[in-house]
Amino acid sequence: MPERGAALIEVEDLHFAYNANRVLRGIHLTVPRGKLVGILGVSGAGKSTLLRLIGGQLRPQRGRVHFDGRIVHELDDAGLYQLRREIGMMFQAGGLFSDISVYDNIAFPMRELTDLPEEVIHDLVLMKLHAVGLRGASQLMPNELSGGMARRVALARAIALDPVLTMYDEPFAGLDPISLNVIAQLIRRLNDALGATSIVVTYDVPETLKVVDLAYFIHDGVVVASGTPDELRNSPDPAVHQFIHAKPDGPVAFHYPAPAFGNDLRLETPSARS
């Protein structure tokens, strides 16, 4: 049986690159059991990549991810399959099956991964949809949903089997202010009610810091700050301060690295035109 310590996930000196693009340059972090943890950072900081490394979709170039006593990248196919049965995932783009109804999207993992009778699945699906306010939309098709509704269906599917760990990749994107607040509070309540562990990857600072127990801020491929929401709000690190308080100027650049703009322009000189 896996060792059951205080931490569900421990990430040690994690490095990963897409070809020459070094995304993670030595990440260290811990996700305690039963806690709701936020992973913050600008777009492209490697937050979603970190989730893929935790779930075993990617293998690190260096370092380790421990999940409940197991080293993820050392697991064989059977071990990875078992690990992923313990994880619920809300994908950044929703990931709903477009050709089946909302009801069948939620029922899918129950039918695939359990032997529950259909009448029990029926009640469980409606319970999950009721939790996200969409029980009345159970027979709609995904193309009939608004963007915010699709997000909520994706959340309901992520928690369909009450997983040990639920990972939410940008769960607040595309939600109106009312839905955003409701979903943030729902993620908090579900985590506490189920005694589960959750990771929220986002750049929505205000709503995230209202509900998480602990947050990490990733910048330039490393964790530059971590702690409680109040500790991050008061961090002296310039990059954290700029991000948390949405300042336009600071070490977090708006432009992706590139040569000087003038060097890229194909300007003709007078001699070239003659």
Protein backbone atom coordinates (compact mmCIF):
# COMPACT_ATOMS: atom_id res chain seq x y z
CA MET A 1 0.00 0.00 0.00
CA PRO A 2 1.25 3.56 -0.69
CA GLU A 3 2.75 5.45 2.20
CA ARG A 4 0.23 7.86 3.67
CA GLY A 5 2.01 10.94 4.97
CA ALA A 6 0.91 14.51 5.50
CA ALA A 7 1.56 15.40 1.84
CA LEU A 8 -0.40 13.90 -1.04
CA ILE A 9 1.98 15.36 -3.65
CA GLU A 10 5.64 16.33 -3.37
CA VAL A 11 7.43 17.91 -6.32
CA GLU A 12 11.24 17.87 -6.15
CA ASP A 13 13.57 19.84 -8.45
CA LEU A 14 11.25 19.41 -11.44
CA HIS A 15 12.62 20.39 -14.86
CA PHE A 16 10.77 20.26 -18.17
CA ALA A 17 11.28 21.83 -21.62
CA TYR A 18 9.45 21.87 -24.92
CA ASN A 19 12.47 21.61 -27.22
CA ALA A 20 14.54 24.74 -26.48
CA ASN A 21 11.81 26.35 -24.37
CA ARG A 22 12.69 25.59 -20.75
CA VAL A 23 9.34 25.90 -19.01
CA LEU A 24 10.13 24.48 -15.56
CA ARG A 25 13.62 25.06 -14.17
CA GLY A 26 13.55 23.38 -10.76
CA ILE A 27 10.10 23.43 -9.20
CA HIS A 28 9.76 22.47 -5.52
CA LEU A 29 6.32 22.36 -3.90
CA THR A 30 4.13 20.28 -1.61
CA VAL A 31 0.37 19.70 -1.75
CA PRO A 32 -0.89 18.72 1.74
CA ARG A 33 -3.73 16.23 2.06
CA GLY A 34 -7.16 17.73 2.43
CA LYS A 35 -6.10 21.21 1.34
CA LEU A 36 -7.08 23.44 -1.55
CA VAL A 37 -3.90 24.69 -3.21
CA GLY A 38 -3.60 27.43 -5.83
CA ILE A 39 -0.90 27.50 -8.50
CA LEU A 40 -0.58 31.07 -9.78
CA GLY A 41 1.43 32.61 -12.58
CA VAL A 42 1.14 34.45 -15.86
CA SER A 43 0.04 32.70 -19.03
CA GLY A 44 2.85 30.46 -20.25
CA ALA A 45 4.47 30.08 -16.82
CA GLY A 46 4.14 26.28 -16.93
CA LYS A 47 1.11 25.82 -14.68
CA SER A 48 -0.76 23.43 -17.01
CA THR A 49 2.51 21.63 -17.78
CA LEU A 50 2.90 21.00 -14.05
CA LEU A 51 -0.55 19.37 -13.95
CA ARG A 52 0.39 17.09 -16.86
CA LEU A 53 3.53 16.03 -15.02
CA ILE A 54 1.50 15.24 -11.89
CA GLY A 55 -0.93 13.17 -13.97
CA GLY A 56 1.83 11.36 -15.86
CA GLN A 57 0.97 12.70 -19.33
CA LEU A 58 4.50 14.13 -19.49
CA ARG A 59 7.82 12.88 -18.14
CA PRO A 60 10.27 15.30 -16.49
CA GLN A 61 13.77 15.80 -17.82
CA ARG A 62 14.92 15.96 -14.20
CA GLY A 63 13.35 15.74 -10.77
CA ARG A 64 10.43 13.80 -9.35
CA VAL A 65 6.72 13.98 -8.64
CA HIS A 66 5.64 11.85 -5.68
CA PHE A 67 1.91 11.07 -5.61
CA ASP A 68 0.77 9.29 -2.45
CA GLY A 69 4.14 7.57 -2.09
CA ARG A 70 4.55 6.70 -5.78
CA ILE A 71 7.01 8.31 -8.19
CA VAL A 72 4.76 9.16 -11.12
CA HIS A 73 7.21 8.88 -14.04
CA GLU A 74 8.44 5.47 -12.81
CA LEU A 75 4.97 3.85 -12.95
CA ASP A 76 4.14 1.30 -15.65
CA ASP A 77 0.92 1.47 -17.68
CA ALA A 78 -1.11 -0.38 -15.03
CA GLY A 79 0.26 1.87 -12.29
CA LEU A 80 -0.54 5.03 -14.26
CA TYR A 81 -4.05 3.77 -14.96
CA GLN A 82 -4.63 3.18 -11.25
CA LEU A 83 -3.19 6.60 -10.35
CA ARG A 84 -5.41 8.38 -12.84
CA ARG A 85 -8.50 6.67 -11.42
CA GLU A 86 -7.75 8.60 -8.22
CA ILE A 87 -7.65 11.97 -10.04
CA GLY A 88 -10.46 14.14 -11.34
CA MET A 89 -9.50 16.67 -14.00
CA MET A 90 -11.24 19.79 -15.22
CA PHE A 91 -9.49 20.64 -18.47
CA GLN A 92 -8.65 24.17 -19.51
CA ALA A 93 -10.79 23.91 -22.65
CA GLY A 94 -13.56 21.95 -20.92
CA GLY A 95 -13.02 18.77 -22.94
CA LEU A 96 -16.69 17.77 -23.13
CA PHE A 97 -17.66 15.05 -25.59
CA SER A 98 -19.49 17.01 -28.27
CA ASP A 99 -21.75 14.22 -29.56
CA ILE A 100 -23.37 13.14 -26.30
CA SER A 101 -25.63 15.01 -23.90
CA VAL A 102 -24.66 16.80 -20.70
CA TYR A 103 -26.12 13.86 -18.75
CA ASP A 104 -24.04 11.31 -20.64
CA ASN A 105 -20.89 13.42 -20.26
CA ILE A 106 -21.23 13.19 -16.47
CA ALA A 107 -22.26 9.52 -16.58
CA PHE A 108 -19.33 8.54 -18.81
CA PRO A 109 -16.66 8.04 -16.10
CA MET A 110 -19.19 6.25 -13.88
CA ARG A 111 -20.05 3.80 -16.64
CA GLU A 112 -16.43 3.29 -17.68
CA LEU A 113 -14.82 2.94 -14.27
CA THR A 114 -17.49 1.45 -12.00
CA ASP A 115 -20.07 -1.36 -11.98
CA LEU A 116 -22.82 0.87 -10.62
CA PRO A 117 -26.34 0.09 -11.86
CA GLU A 118 -27.88 2.65 -14.20
CA GLU A 119 -30.46 3.80 -11.65
CA VAL A 120 -27.69 4.72 -9.20
CA ILE A 121 -25.73 6.47 -11.95
CA HIS A 122 -28.89 8.43 -12.80
CA ASP A 123 -29.19 9.80 -9.27
CA LEU A 124 -25.47 10.54 -8.97
CA VAL A 125 -25.42 12.44 -12.28
CA LEU A 126 -28.34 14.61 -11.21
CA MET A 127 -26.68 15.25 -7.83
CA LYS A 128 -23.47 16.45 -9.52
CA LEU A 129 -25.37 18.65 -11.96
CA HIS A 130 -27.51 20.06 -9.16
CA ALA A 131 -24.32 21.00 -7.30
CA VAL A 132 -23.23 23.21 -10.23
CA GLY A 133 -26.73 24.58 -10.85
CA LEU A 134 -27.37 22.73 -14.12
CA ARG A 135 -29.72 19.85 -13.26
CA GLY A 136 -32.27 21.36 -15.65
CA ALA A 137 -29.74 21.24 -18.50
CA SER A 138 -29.08 17.49 -18.30
CA GLN A 139 -30.51 16.72 -21.74
CA LEU A 140 -28.86 19.59 -23.59
CA MET A 141 -26.01 18.97 -26.01
CA PRO A 142 -22.65 20.71 -25.43
CA ASN A 143 -23.17 22.99 -28.45
CA GLU A 144 -26.34 24.30 -26.78
CA LEU A 145 -24.43 25.50 -23.71
CA SER A 146 -22.92 28.92 -23.12
CA GLY A 147 -19.22 29.03 -22.37
CA GLY A 148 -19.87 29.41 -18.65
CA MET A 149 -22.36 26.55 -18.59
CA ALA A 150 -19.87 24.29 -20.38
CA ARG A 151 -17.31 25.13 -17.68
CA ARG A 152 -19.74 24.10 -14.97
CA VAL A 153 -20.53 20.81 -16.71
CA ALA A 154 -16.79 20.12 -16.97
CA LEU A 155 -16.48 20.75 -13.23
CA ALA A 156 -19.34 18.34 -12.50
CA ARG A 157 -17.63 15.66 -14.58
CA ALA A 158 -14.31 16.24 -12.79
CA ILE A 159 -15.92 15.43 -9.43
CA ALA A 160 -18.14 12.64 -10.76
CA LEU A 161 -16.33 9.89 -8.85
CA ASP A 162 -15.37 11.90 -5.75
CA PRO A 163 -11.63 11.58 -6.52
CA VAL A 164 -8.78 11.72 -4.02
CA LEU A 165 -7.30 14.64 -5.99
CA THR A 166 -9.14 17.06 -8.24
CA MET A 167 -7.13 19.31 -10.55
CA TYR A 168 -8.81 22.39 -12.00
CA ASP A 169 -7.07 23.99 -15.00
CA GLU A 170 -8.34 27.60 -15.30
CA PRO A 171 -11.79 26.80 -13.83
CA PHE A 172 -12.88 30.46 -13.76
CA ALA A 173 -12.18 31.35 -17.39
CA GLY A 174 -15.28 32.41 -19.31
CA LEU A 175 -17.53 32.69 -16.25
CA ASP A 176 -19.64 35.72 -15.43
CA PRO A 177 -19.02 37.28 -11.98
CA ILE A 178 -21.95 35.47 -10.33
CA SER A 179 -21.03 32.05 -11.72
CA LEU A 180 -17.35 32.65 -10.93
CA ASN A 181 -18.07 33.32 -7.27
CA VAL A 182 -20.47 30.36 -7.03
CA ILE A 183 -17.98 27.94 -8.64
CA ALA A 184 -15.10 29.15 -6.46
CA GLN A 185 -17.15 28.61 -3.33
CA LEU A 186 -18.37 25.24 -4.66
CA ILE A 187 -14.78 24.05 -5.19
CA ARG A 188 -14.04 25.08 -1.59
CA ARG A 189 -17.11 23.32 -0.16
CA LEU A 190 -16.60 20.14 -2.17
CA ASN A 191 -12.99 19.89 -1.06
CA ASP A 192 -14.00 20.19 2.59
CA ALA A 193 -17.08 17.96 2.39
CA LEU A 194 -15.27 15.12 0.64
CA GLY A 195 -12.08 15.42 2.68
CA ALA A 196 -10.32 15.56 -0.68
CA THR A 197 -7.36 17.49 -2.04
CA SER A 198 -7.59 20.04 -4.83
CA ILE A 199 -5.22 22.00 -7.06
CA VAL A 200 -6.49 25.11 -8.83
CA VAL A 201 -4.31 26.43 -11.65
CA THR A 202 -5.32 29.97 -12.54
CA TYR A 203 -4.36 33.59 -13.08
CA ASP A 204 -7.60 34.83 -11.49
CA VAL A 205 -5.98 36.22 -8.35
CA PRO A 206 -8.83 37.79 -6.34
CA GLU A 207 -11.20 34.81 -6.47
CA THR A 208 -8.47 32.24 -5.95
CA LEU A 209 -7.00 33.90 -2.89
CA LYS A 210 -10.46 34.00 -1.32
CA VAL A 211 -10.79 30.21 -1.22
CA VAL A 212 -7.37 28.49 -1.19
CA ASP A 213 -5.48 27.36 1.90
CA LEU A 214 -2.07 27.70 0.29
CA ALA A 215 -0.76 29.21 -2.95
CA TYR A 216 2.41 29.00 -5.02
CA PHE A 217 3.52 31.63 -7.53
CA ILE A 218 5.59 30.38 -10.48
CA HIS A 219 7.80 32.80 -12.42
CA ASP A 220 10.69 32.05 -14.79
CA GLY A 221 10.25 28.33 -14.22
CA VAL A 222 10.62 28.31 -10.43
CA VAL A 223 8.47 28.94 -7.37
CA VAL A 224 9.32 32.47 -6.27
CA ALA A 225 6.75 32.73 -3.48
CA SER A 226 4.47 30.46 -1.49
CA GLY A 227 2.30 30.66 1.57
CA THR A 228 -1.16 31.62 2.73
CA PRO A 229 -3.22 34.08 0.69
CA ASP A 230 -2.25 36.90 3.07
CA GLU A 231 1.43 36.04 2.76
CA LEU A 232 1.24 36.24 -1.04
CA ARG A 233 -0.69 39.50 -0.93
CA ASN A 234 2.07 40.99 1.21
CA SER A 235 5.02 39.38 -0.59
CA PRO A 236 7.97 41.73 -1.12
CA ASP A 237 9.00 39.90 -4.32
CA PRO A 238 8.59 42.38 -7.23
CA ALA A 239 7.14 39.79 -9.65
CA VAL A 240 4.61 38.57 -7.09
CA HIS A 241 3.63 42.14 -6.15
CA GLN A 242 3.15 43.06 -9.81
CA PHE A 243 1.03 39.98 -10.52
CA ILE A 244 -1.10 40.02 -7.36
CA HIS A 245 -1.87 43.74 -7.69
CA ALA A 246 -2.12 43.77 -11.53
CA LYS A 247 0.56 46.41 -12.01
CA PRO A 248 1.45 47.11 -15.67
CA ASP A 249 5.15 47.72 -14.95
CA GLY A 250 7.55 45.31 -13.31
CA PRO A 251 9.66 42.21 -13.93
CA VAL A 252 6.79 40.31 -15.57
CA ALA A 253 7.10 41.40 -19.21
CA PHE A 254 4.14 41.78 -21.55
CA HIS A 255 6.15 40.93 -24.70
CA TYR A 256 7.50 37.46 -25.46
CA PRO A 257 11.32 37.64 -25.88
CA ALA A 258 12.22 38.83 -29.40
CA PRO A 259 14.90 40.82 -31.23
CA ALA A 260 14.59 44.60 -31.38
CA PHE A 261 11.47 45.48 -33.37
CA GLY A 262 13.43 47.49 -35.94
CA ASN A 263 15.58 44.46 -36.73
CA ASP A 264 12.53 42.46 -37.78
CA LEU A 265 11.14 45.13 -40.15
CA ARG A 266 12.02 44.75 -43.82
CA LEU A 267 12.71 48.38 -44.52
CA GLU A 268 14.11 49.23 -47.93
CA THR A 269 17.01 51.68 -48.07
CA PRO A 270 17.18 54.31 -50.88
CA SER A 271 20.04 52.39 -52.49
CA ALA A 272 17.96 49.21 -52.53
CA ARG A 273 15.13 50.93 -54.44
CA SER A 274 17.45 52.46 -57.10
